[in-house]
Protein backbone atom coordinates (compact mmCIF):
# COMPACT_ATOMS: atom_id res chain seq x y z
CA MET A 1 8.52 -23.77 -16.63
CA THR A 2 6.09 -25.75 -18.78
CA MET A 3 2.35 -25.32 -18.65
CA ALA A 4 1.92 -28.79 -17.18
CA ALA A 5 4.41 -28.09 -14.45
CA THR A 6 2.77 -24.79 -13.67
CA ALA A 7 -0.65 -26.37 -13.32
CA SER A 8 0.69 -29.14 -11.10
CA ILE A 9 2.57 -26.83 -8.75
CA ALA A 10 -0.23 -24.31 -8.47
CA SER A 11 -2.84 -26.94 -7.72
CA SER A 12 -0.68 -28.51 -5.01
CA SER A 13 -1.37 -25.50 -2.83
CA SER A 14 -4.87 -26.83 -2.16
CA VAL A 15 -3.63 -28.49 1.03
CA ARG A 16 -2.29 -25.31 2.64
CA PRO A 17 -4.17 -23.93 5.68
CA VAL A 18 -6.32 -20.84 5.59
CA LEU A 19 -4.48 -18.18 7.56
CA SER A 20 -6.37 -15.81 9.81
CA HIS A 21 -5.12 -12.66 11.51
CA PRO A 22 -6.84 -10.50 14.09
CA SER A 23 -8.46 -7.36 12.74
CA ALA A 24 -7.46 -4.34 14.83
CA PRO A 25 -10.10 -1.77 15.88
CA SER A 26 -8.61 0.99 13.75
CA LEU A 27 -9.62 4.62 13.47
CA TRP A 28 -10.54 4.02 9.85
CA ALA A 29 -12.89 1.14 10.63
CA ALA A 30 -14.62 3.35 13.20
CA THR A 31 -15.09 6.35 10.89
CA ALA A 32 -15.53 4.97 7.35
CA PRO A 33 -18.90 5.00 5.59
CA ALA A 34 -20.77 1.70 5.74
CA ALA A 35 -19.36 -1.07 3.60
CA PRO A 36 -21.31 -2.07 0.48
CA PRO A 37 -22.66 -5.64 0.46
CA THR A 38 -20.02 -8.18 -0.61
CA PRO A 39 -21.48 -11.60 0.27
CA PRO A 40 -19.37 -14.76 -0.02
CA LEU A 41 -19.29 -16.46 -3.40
CA ALA A 42 -22.31 -18.74 -3.45
CA ALA A 43 -22.50 -20.20 -6.96
CA ALA A 44 -21.24 -23.76 -7.36
CA LEU A 45 -19.53 -22.84 -10.63
CA THR A 46 -18.97 -19.31 -11.92
CA THR A 47 -17.22 -18.18 -15.10
CA THR A 48 -15.66 -14.79 -15.64
CA ASP A 49 -13.17 -13.07 -17.90
CA VAL A 50 -10.94 -12.06 -14.99
CA LEU A 51 -10.66 -13.39 -11.45
CA VAL A 52 -9.01 -11.00 -8.99
CA ILE A 53 -7.72 -12.49 -5.74
CA GLY A 54 -7.41 -9.76 -3.12
CA ALA A 55 -9.80 -6.84 -2.54
CA GLY A 56 -7.29 -4.15 -1.65
CA TYR A 57 -6.21 -1.20 -3.74
CA THR A 58 -4.44 -3.28 -6.39
CA GLY A 59 -7.27 -5.71 -6.96
CA LEU A 60 -10.05 -3.13 -6.82
CA SER A 61 -8.24 -0.70 -9.11
CA ALA A 62 -7.69 -3.50 -11.61
CA ALA A 63 -11.32 -4.64 -11.31
CA LEU A 64 -12.62 -1.11 -11.82
CA HIS A 65 -10.48 -0.46 -14.89
CA LEU A 66 -11.28 -3.87 -16.39
CA ALA A 67 -15.00 -3.39 -15.80
CA GLU A 68 -14.77 0.01 -17.49
CA SER A 69 -13.33 -1.74 -20.55
CA GLY A 70 -16.27 -4.17 -20.66
CA ALA A 71 -14.67 -7.25 -19.11
CA SER A 72 -16.56 -9.45 -16.65
CA VAL A 73 -14.69 -9.41 -13.35
CA CYS A 74 -15.00 -11.32 -10.08
CA VAL A 75 -13.03 -10.24 -6.99
CA LEU A 76 -12.54 -12.69 -4.13
CA ASP A 77 -11.06 -11.94 -0.71
CA ALA A 78 -10.57 -14.12 2.34
CA HIS A 79 -11.91 -11.29 4.49
CA ALA A 80 -13.69 -8.01 3.66
CA PRO A 81 -12.41 -5.46 1.13
CA GLY A 82 -9.74 -3.36 2.81
CA TRP A 83 -9.30 -5.80 5.71
CA GLY A 84 -5.54 -5.85 5.08
CA ALA A 85 -3.19 -2.90 4.88
CA SER A 86 -5.39 -1.11 2.33
CA GLY A 87 -7.77 -0.37 5.17
CA ARG A 88 -5.14 0.05 7.90
CA ASN A 89 -2.43 2.33 6.48
CA GLY A 90 -1.73 5.96 7.36
CA GLY A 91 -3.77 7.38 4.50
CA GLN A 92 -0.89 9.24 2.82
CA VAL A 93 -1.04 9.49 -0.98
CA ASN A 94 2.64 9.83 -1.94
CA PRO A 95 3.56 9.59 -5.65
CA THR A 96 7.16 8.53 -5.10
CA LEU A 97 9.41 5.49 -4.98
CA LYS A 98 12.47 4.89 -2.84
CA TYR A 99 14.66 5.92 -5.76
CA ASP A 100 15.02 9.45 -7.09
CA PRO A 101 14.25 10.14 -10.77
CA ASP A 102 17.88 10.24 -11.90
CA GLU A 103 18.53 6.90 -10.19
CA LEU A 104 15.47 5.34 -11.85
CA GLN A 105 16.83 6.41 -15.22
CA ARG A 106 20.22 4.91 -14.41
CA ILE A 107 18.65 1.60 -13.32
CA HIS A 108 16.08 1.21 -16.09
CA GLY A 109 17.52 3.20 -18.99
CA ALA A 110 16.24 6.34 -20.63
CA ALA A 111 13.05 5.02 -22.27
CA LEU A 112 11.66 2.77 -19.52
CA GLY A 113 13.01 5.08 -16.83
CA GLU A 114 11.09 8.07 -18.15
CA ARG A 115 7.88 6.05 -18.57
CA LEU A 116 8.22 4.84 -14.99
CA ILE A 117 9.01 8.31 -13.62
CA ASP A 118 6.05 9.84 -15.45
CA ALA A 119 3.64 7.09 -14.28
CA VAL A 120 4.79 7.38 -10.67
CA SER A 121 4.56 11.18 -10.79
CA ARG A 122 0.96 10.98 -12.01
CA SER A 123 -0.13 8.26 -9.57
CA ALA A 124 -1.65 10.71 -7.09
CA ASP A 125 -3.56 12.28 -9.99
CA LEU A 126 -4.96 8.82 -10.69
CA VAL A 127 -6.12 8.39 -7.08
CA TYR A 128 -7.75 11.81 -6.81
CA GLY A 129 -9.22 11.45 -10.30
CA LEU A 130 -10.95 8.20 -9.32
CA ILE A 131 -12.23 9.84 -6.14
CA GLU A 132 -13.72 12.73 -8.10
CA ARG A 133 -15.08 10.70 -11.00
CA HIS A 134 -16.83 8.15 -8.79
CA GLY A 135 -17.84 10.47 -5.96
CA ILE A 136 -15.90 8.55 -3.31
CA ASP A 137 -16.54 9.89 0.20
CA CYS A 138 -13.07 9.54 1.76
CA ALA A 139 -12.17 12.99 3.15
CA PRO A 140 -9.63 13.76 0.40
CA VAL A 141 -7.08 16.51 1.07
CA ARG A 142 -4.29 17.43 -1.33
CA ALA A 143 -2.06 19.83 0.56
CA GLY A 144 1.27 18.10 -0.09
CA TRP A 145 3.73 15.81 1.70
CA LEU A 146 6.59 17.02 3.89
CA GLN A 147 9.70 14.87 4.00
CA VAL A 148 11.83 16.10 6.88
CA GLY A 149 15.22 15.28 8.38
CA TYR A 150 17.08 15.76 11.65
CA THR A 151 20.47 16.76 10.22
CA GLN A 152 21.64 19.24 7.62
CA GLN A 153 23.32 16.44 5.71
CA ALA A 154 19.98 14.66 5.36
CA VAL A 155 18.27 17.89 4.36
CA ASP A 156 20.84 18.56 1.64
CA GLY A 157 20.05 15.15 0.15
CA MET A 158 16.32 15.88 0.26
CA HIS A 159 16.81 19.21 -1.48
CA ALA A 160 18.77 17.47 -4.24
CA ARG A 161 15.88 15.01 -4.60
CA ALA A 162 13.35 17.84 -4.74
CA ARG A 163 15.32 19.60 -7.49
CA GLN A 164 15.21 16.42 -9.60
CA TRP A 165 11.42 16.39 -9.38
CA GLU A 166 11.27 20.16 -9.92
CA ARG A 167 13.17 19.76 -13.21
CA ARG A 168 10.36 17.43 -14.26
CA GLY A 169 7.64 19.99 -13.58
CA VAL A 170 6.68 19.03 -10.02
CA ARG A 171 5.74 21.81 -7.59
CA VAL A 172 8.20 21.60 -4.71
CA GLU A 173 9.30 23.82 -1.84
CA LEU A 174 12.74 23.63 -0.23
CA LEU A 175 12.41 24.19 3.52
CA ASP A 176 14.97 25.30 6.07
CA ARG A 177 14.66 24.74 9.82
CA THR A 178 12.40 27.75 10.38
CA ALA A 179 10.06 26.96 7.49
CA THR A 180 9.87 23.30 8.50
CA ALA A 181 8.97 24.22 12.07
CA ALA A 182 6.16 26.44 10.79
CA ARG A 183 4.85 23.68 8.52
CA THR A 184 5.08 20.80 10.99
CA GLY A 185 4.54 22.55 14.32
CA THR A 186 7.78 21.23 15.84
CA PRO A 187 11.39 22.52 15.94
CA ALA A 188 12.71 18.92 15.87
CA PHE A 189 13.85 19.00 12.24
CA ALA A 190 16.72 20.70 10.42
CA GLY A 191 14.65 21.11 7.25
CA GLY A 192 13.00 19.22 4.43
CA TRP A 193 10.93 19.68 1.31
CA LEU A 194 7.30 19.77 0.27
CA ASP A 195 5.99 17.61 -2.58
CA GLY A 196 2.91 19.43 -3.86
CA ARG A 197 1.49 16.37 -5.69
CA ALA A 198 0.72 14.46 -2.50
CA GLY A 199 -2.16 14.38 -0.04
CA ALA A 200 -4.21 12.29 2.35
CA ILE A 201 -7.44 10.31 2.38
CA GLN A 202 -9.48 8.08 4.69
CA PRO A 203 -7.99 4.84 3.33
CA LEU A 204 -10.74 2.37 4.20
CA ALA A 205 -13.36 4.76 2.86
CA TYR A 206 -11.40 4.87 -0.40
CA VAL A 207 -11.45 1.05 -0.56
CA ARG A 208 -15.20 0.97 -0.05
CA GLY A 209 -15.68 3.65 -2.68
CA LEU A 210 -13.68 1.60 -5.18
CA VAL A 211 -15.88 -1.41 -4.37
CA ARG A 212 -19.05 0.58 -5.05
CA ALA A 213 -17.65 1.99 -8.29
CA ALA A 214 -16.59 -1.45 -9.53
CA GLN A 215 -19.96 -2.98 -8.59
CA THR A 216 -21.78 -0.19 -10.41
CA LEU A 217 -19.89 -1.19 -13.55
CA GLY A 218 -20.86 -4.84 -13.11
CA ALA A 219 -17.94 -6.33 -11.21
CA GLN A 220 -18.69 -8.96 -8.57
CA VAL A 221 -16.94 -8.54 -5.21
CA HIS A 222 -17.12 -11.33 -2.63
CA SER A 223 -15.86 -11.30 0.97
CA GLY A 224 -15.15 -14.41 3.04
CA SER A 225 -14.08 -16.41 -0.01
CA PRO A 226 -10.43 -17.45 0.40
CA VAL A 227 -8.97 -19.17 -2.65
CA LEU A 228 -7.21 -22.41 -1.71
CA ALA A 229 -6.10 -23.64 -5.13
CA LEU A 230 -5.44 -22.56 -8.69
CA GLU A 231 -5.39 -25.15 -11.43
CA ARG A 232 -5.03 -24.91 -15.19
CA GLN A 233 -8.28 -25.93 -16.87
CA GLY A 234 -7.80 -26.82 -20.54
CA THR A 235 -5.81 -24.41 -22.67
CA ASP A 236 -7.45 -21.09 -21.89
CA HIS A 237 -8.89 -21.09 -18.37
CA TRP A 238 -7.79 -21.25 -14.75
CA ALA A 239 -9.99 -22.88 -12.09
CA ALA A 240 -9.95 -21.46 -8.58
CA THR A 241 -11.39 -23.34 -5.61
CA THR A 242 -12.47 -21.52 -2.44
CA ALA A 243 -12.43 -22.80 1.12
CA GLN A 244 -16.18 -23.40 0.86
CA GLY A 245 -15.68 -25.60 -2.19
CA GLN A 246 -16.98 -23.11 -4.75
CA ARG A 247 -15.22 -23.08 -8.13
CA ILE A 248 -14.71 -20.25 -10.55
CA LEU A 249 -13.33 -20.43 -14.09
CA ALA A 250 -11.46 -17.44 -15.49
CA ARG A 251 -9.42 -16.69 -18.57
CA GLN A 252 -7.19 -14.36 -16.58
CA VAL A 253 -6.23 -14.34 -12.89
CA LEU A 254 -4.69 -11.46 -10.93
CA LEU A 255 -3.04 -12.20 -7.59
CA ALA A 256 -3.16 -8.97 -5.58
CA THR A 257 -2.53 -9.94 -1.96
CA ASN A 258 0.61 -7.85 -1.18
CA GLY A 259 1.60 -8.11 2.52
CA TYR A 260 -0.90 -10.95 3.09
CA THR A 261 0.40 -13.16 0.28
CA ASP A 262 0.40 -16.85 1.21
CA GLY A 263 1.32 -20.08 -0.55
CA LEU A 264 -1.29 -19.96 -3.30
CA TRP A 265 1.43 -19.52 -5.93
CA PRO A 266 4.72 -21.26 -5.09
CA GLY A 267 7.49 -18.88 -4.10
CA LEU A 268 5.48 -15.68 -4.36
CA ALA A 269 5.24 -15.05 -0.61
CA ARG A 270 9.03 -15.26 -0.39
CA THR A 271 9.49 -12.41 -2.87
CA VAL A 272 8.43 -9.94 -0.16
CA LEU A 273 9.03 -9.34 3.52
CA ALA A 274 5.64 -8.79 5.17
CA ALA A 275 6.56 -6.20 7.79
CA ASN A 276 4.11 -4.68 10.23
CA SER A 277 3.47 -0.95 10.22
CA PHE A 278 2.03 0.34 13.51
CA ILE A 279 -0.16 3.44 13.99
CA VAL A 280 -1.55 5.31 16.97
CA ALA A 281 -4.20 8.05 16.93
CA THR A 282 -4.90 10.58 19.68
CA GLN A 283 -8.23 12.00 20.64
CA PRO A 284 -9.17 15.08 18.58
CA LEU A 285 -6.75 17.79 19.66
CA GLY A 286 -8.87 20.84 18.87
CA LYS A 287 -7.09 24.17 19.31
CA ALA A 288 -4.18 22.48 21.10
CA GLY A 289 -3.17 20.87 17.82
CA ALA A 290 -3.88 23.79 15.49
CA HIS A 291 -0.16 24.51 15.03
CA ILE A 292 0.58 20.94 13.87
CA LEU A 293 0.52 20.59 10.08
CA PRO A 294 -1.74 23.67 9.87
CA GLY A 295 -2.01 23.51 6.09
CA GLY A 296 -3.29 19.92 6.05
CA GLU A 297 0.01 18.44 4.87
CA THR A 298 1.23 14.95 5.71
CA GLY A 299 4.75 14.29 6.95
CA SER A 300 7.41 11.65 7.31
CA THR A 301 10.99 11.44 8.49
CA SER A 302 13.91 10.07 6.50
CA GLN A 303 16.29 8.62 9.08
CA ARG A 304 16.45 5.69 11.48
CA LEU A 305 12.98 4.25 11.93
CA LEU A 306 10.77 6.00 9.42
CA LEU A 307 7.96 7.86 11.14
CA TYR A 308 4.92 9.21 9.32
CA PHE A 309 2.38 11.59 10.75
CA ARG A 310 -0.72 13.55 9.84
CA LYS A 311 -4.02 14.79 11.25
CA ASP A 312 -7.35 13.30 10.27
CA ALA A 313 -10.53 15.18 9.41
CA GLN A 314 -11.52 15.41 13.08
CA GLY A 315 -8.15 16.81 14.23
CA ARG A 316 -6.67 13.61 15.67
CA LEU A 317 -2.90 13.30 15.41
CA LEU A 318 -1.72 10.04 13.86
CA MET A 319 1.81 8.70 14.23
CA GLY A 320 2.96 5.62 12.38
CA GLY A 321 6.12 3.61 11.94
CA ARG A 322 7.67 0.19 11.78
CA GLY A 323 7.23 -2.38 14.51
CA HIS A 324 8.15 -6.00 15.07
CA PHE A 325 7.04 -8.73 12.67
CA ALA A 326 4.64 -10.39 15.10
CA ASP A 327 1.12 -9.01 15.29
CA PRO A 328 0.77 -6.59 18.23
CA GLN A 329 -0.56 -8.01 21.48
CA GLY A 330 -1.24 -4.89 23.51
CA ALA A 331 -0.71 -1.16 24.03
CA GLY A 332 2.94 -1.69 24.99
CA ASP A 333 3.76 -2.67 21.42
CA TYR A 334 2.97 0.90 20.36
CA ALA A 335 5.01 2.66 23.04
CA HIS A 336 7.75 3.69 20.58
CA LEU A 337 5.21 5.71 18.59
CA GLU A 338 3.80 7.42 21.66
CA ARG A 339 7.36 8.32 22.69
CA ALA A 340 7.88 9.79 19.22
CA VAL A 341 4.81 12.00 19.63
CA ALA A 342 6.03 13.20 23.03
CA LEU A 343 9.49 14.02 21.67
CA MET A 344 8.19 15.71 18.54
CA PHE A 345 5.38 17.69 20.18
CA PRO A 346 6.25 18.09 23.89
CA GLY A 347 3.91 21.06 24.24
CA LEU A 348 0.87 18.80 23.91
CA GLY A 349 1.53 17.30 27.32
CA PRO A 350 0.09 13.89 28.31
CA LEU A 351 -2.21 12.55 25.59
CA GLN A 352 -5.05 10.07 25.43
CA TYR A 353 -4.85 7.60 22.55
CA GLU A 354 -8.15 6.46 21.10
CA TYR A 355 -6.83 3.90 18.61
CA ARG A 356 -3.83 1.64 18.13
CA TRP A 357 -3.59 -0.76 15.20
CA ALA A 358 -1.23 -2.33 12.65
CA GLY A 359 -1.19 -3.67 9.12
CA ARG A 360 1.31 -5.51 6.94
CA ILE A 361 3.23 -3.80 4.19
CA ALA A 362 5.19 -5.79 1.60
CA VAL A 363 8.88 -4.89 1.33
CA THR A 364 10.71 -6.11 -1.77
CA ARG A 365 14.42 -6.81 -2.08
CA ASP A 366 14.92 -3.97 -4.58
CA PHE A 367 12.37 -1.66 -2.90
CA MET A 368 10.36 -1.53 -6.13
CA PRO A 369 6.80 -2.69 -6.87
CA HIS A 370 6.76 -6.05 -8.65
CA LEU A 371 4.72 -7.10 -11.66
CA HIS A 372 4.92 -10.77 -12.69
CA GLN A 373 3.34 -12.98 -15.37
CA PRO A 374 4.81 -16.42 -14.59
CA ALA A 375 2.33 -18.39 -16.71
CA PRO A 376 -0.19 -17.64 -19.46
CA GLY A 377 -3.25 -16.05 -17.91
CA ILE A 378 -1.58 -15.33 -14.54
CA THR A 379 -0.61 -11.80 -13.44
CA MET A 380 0.74 -10.72 -10.05
CA ALA A 381 1.18 -7.22 -8.65
CA LEU A 382 2.59 -6.51 -5.19
CA GLY A 383 5.39 -4.94 -3.17
CA TYR A 384 4.69 -1.27 -2.48
CA ASN A 385 7.20 -0.72 0.34
CA GLY A 386 4.89 1.54 2.33
CA ARG A 387 3.59 3.63 -0.59
CA GLY A 388 0.52 1.53 -1.26
CA ILE A 389 -2.28 4.00 -1.93
CA ALA A 390 -0.73 5.66 -4.98
CA MET A 391 1.44 2.77 -6.20
CA ALA A 392 -1.14 -0.01 -5.75
CA THR A 393 -3.84 2.01 -7.49
CA LEU A 394 -1.40 2.62 -10.34
CA LEU A 395 -0.16 -0.96 -10.59
CA GLY A 396 -3.72 -2.24 -10.50
CA ARG A 397 -4.49 -0.11 -13.53
CA GLU A 398 -1.35 -1.27 -15.34
CA ALA A 399 -2.15 -4.91 -14.57
CA ALA A 400 -5.62 -4.35 -16.01
CA VAL A 401 -4.10 -2.98 -19.21
CA LEU A 402 -1.86 -6.03 -19.55
CA MET A 403 -4.71 -8.48 -18.91
CA ALA A 404 -6.87 -6.66 -21.46
CA GLY A 405 -4.22 -7.35 -24.09
CA GLY A 406 -1.83 -4.47 -23.58
CA ASN A 407 1.75 -4.63 -24.76
CA ALA A 408 4.12 -5.55 -21.90
CA PRO A 409 7.05 -3.51 -23.33
CA ALA A 410 4.84 -0.41 -23.16
CA CYS A 411 4.10 -0.92 -19.45
CA PRO A 412 5.91 1.58 -17.21
CA PHE A 413 6.80 -1.24 -14.78
CA PRO A 414 9.02 -4.09 -16.00
CA VAL A 415 7.41 -7.53 -15.99
CA THR A 416 9.89 -9.66 -14.05
CA PRO A 417 10.22 -13.34 -13.03
CA VAL A 418 9.08 -14.50 -9.59
CA GLN A 419 12.36 -14.56 -7.66
CA PRO A 420 12.16 -15.44 -3.93
CA ILE A 421 14.46 -13.46 -1.67
CA PRO A 422 17.53 -15.56 -0.78
CA LEU A 423 17.68 -16.52 2.91
CA HIS A 424 14.21 -15.08 3.35
CA GLY A 425 13.96 -15.94 7.05
CA LEU A 426 17.33 -14.35 7.82
CA GLN A 427 16.26 -11.16 6.07
CA ARG A 428 13.30 -10.95 8.44
CA LEU A 429 15.64 -11.32 11.42
CA TYR A 430 17.93 -8.60 10.04
CA ILE A 431 15.08 -6.10 9.72
CA ALA A 432 13.71 -7.05 13.14
CA ALA A 433 17.15 -6.43 14.68
CA GLY A 434 17.33 -3.04 12.99
CA VAL A 435 13.92 -2.06 14.33
CA ALA A 436 14.95 -3.08 17.86
CA TRP A 437 18.26 -1.20 17.64
CA TYR A 438 16.79 2.06 16.42
CA SER A 439 13.98 1.82 18.96
CA LEU A 440 16.65 1.54 21.66
CA LEU A 441 18.47 4.60 20.31
CA ASP A 442 15.21 6.56 20.35
CA ARG A 443 14.55 5.54 23.97
CA LEU A 444 18.06 6.67 24.90
CA GLY A 445 17.68 9.91 22.99
CA ALA A 446 20.76 9.06 20.90
C-alpha cells in the first residue's frame, strides 16, 4: 500500500460514530485507589514524539517505557484509563501463551521461538518489577497459577506442558487429585500443575499506578478524548483529530485498543474477535473460604468453557468465564458463573454476590498477540486472548522499543501484516454457539 493510499484510507474514518459502552460497577472500580487527574485534551494543536491511542496496559506500558527513554508522549483514550478490559479483568498475571514452548519453537523456528519463549516467561517479572520500581499500590501477590483439569487425560497433557517449562528453568509443581484438592479447596479436579511465575493484582489499581508513573516521567494522559481520524501530515508526522476537534501531531502513533478496537484503522477491528469475559464476586467469605486457594494462588480450568477463579485481598471469591457477545443486561447473564461456584464449592452454601461485571478480550485467529506496522510511523499491538496483564505489558514495552528505533528482527514478537479474519461475522456466531452449548452441558451436569 502506498503512503498516499494509506493516508486517504486512514483519514476516511473521520465519519465513523463514536461508540459508547456501559461501564459496569466492578469490584475493582469500587476498591482501587483514586484515579490520577487525566483531563480531556484541551490544546487546539499539540505536537509530540509519540501519540498513544488507548490507555490500557499496552498503551500505558509503551508510554512509560518511551518516557523513560526521553521521548515526549501523549496518551489519548475515549474514556478513562482502564475503562476497558484492563480495568475489568480477573487480575491474574499469567506468563503463558496458548501454545507450549516446544510448539512455539516449531511454529517460529529456533531463534525467534526461543526469544519469544524467553520474553513470555519473563513477562510476569516485568509486571512485578514495574510495580516495585514505581511503588504501585495494587495488592500484588505472587503465589503461582494453578491450571486444573477434570479428567486424567487432560491432566497428563498439563503435566507434559509443565515439564516443557521446567526444562527451561521455571518452578513448577505437578499435582495429582489429592494435591489439587488441597490447593484449590475442591475435589472437583483430577489434577493439574502450578506455575510458580504467576500471581495476581488489583488490575485497575495497576492501570492507575502506570498512569502516575508515566505522568511522573512527563507523559501526558488524557481521558474523554476519542480519536476520530488519523491522517498523514507531510512526510514525517501523523495528525490525529479528536471528537472535540482537537488536533495532535506525532511522529509515531501506537494503536493500543485491543478488545475495543473500532474503525480508526481500516480492517484492524476485524483481525480480532471482541468476546466478553464475565466475572462475579461474592461477599468476603471470611473463615468459610479459608480452605479455598489457601496459599493465595490463582486458578483456571482447561476444558469446555474456561473458568478462572481467585480470591481478592478482602477474601471475596471471584469466578470468571466467557459469556455471550452482547453486553450483559442483568444478573441472569451471570448465572452460569454462579452455577460454577456452587458446583465447585458446594460447602459454601447459598452465597450473596456483591459484584457482577464484564469486559471485552480480543481473540485472534492464531491465538497469538499481534504486532503490526502497516505504514511508516504507525504501530499496532493487540490480541491477548485473555492473558492481557502480562502480555499487554510486555507488548507495550516491545512496541516502545520499535518506535524508539529498535530493530524489528530482534523483537521477540513477529511484526505481521494486518489480516482481517475471513468471514469475521460467522466466526463470532461459531464462538457464540460454542458458549451456548457448553453452558447447556454445564446446566445438565454432563
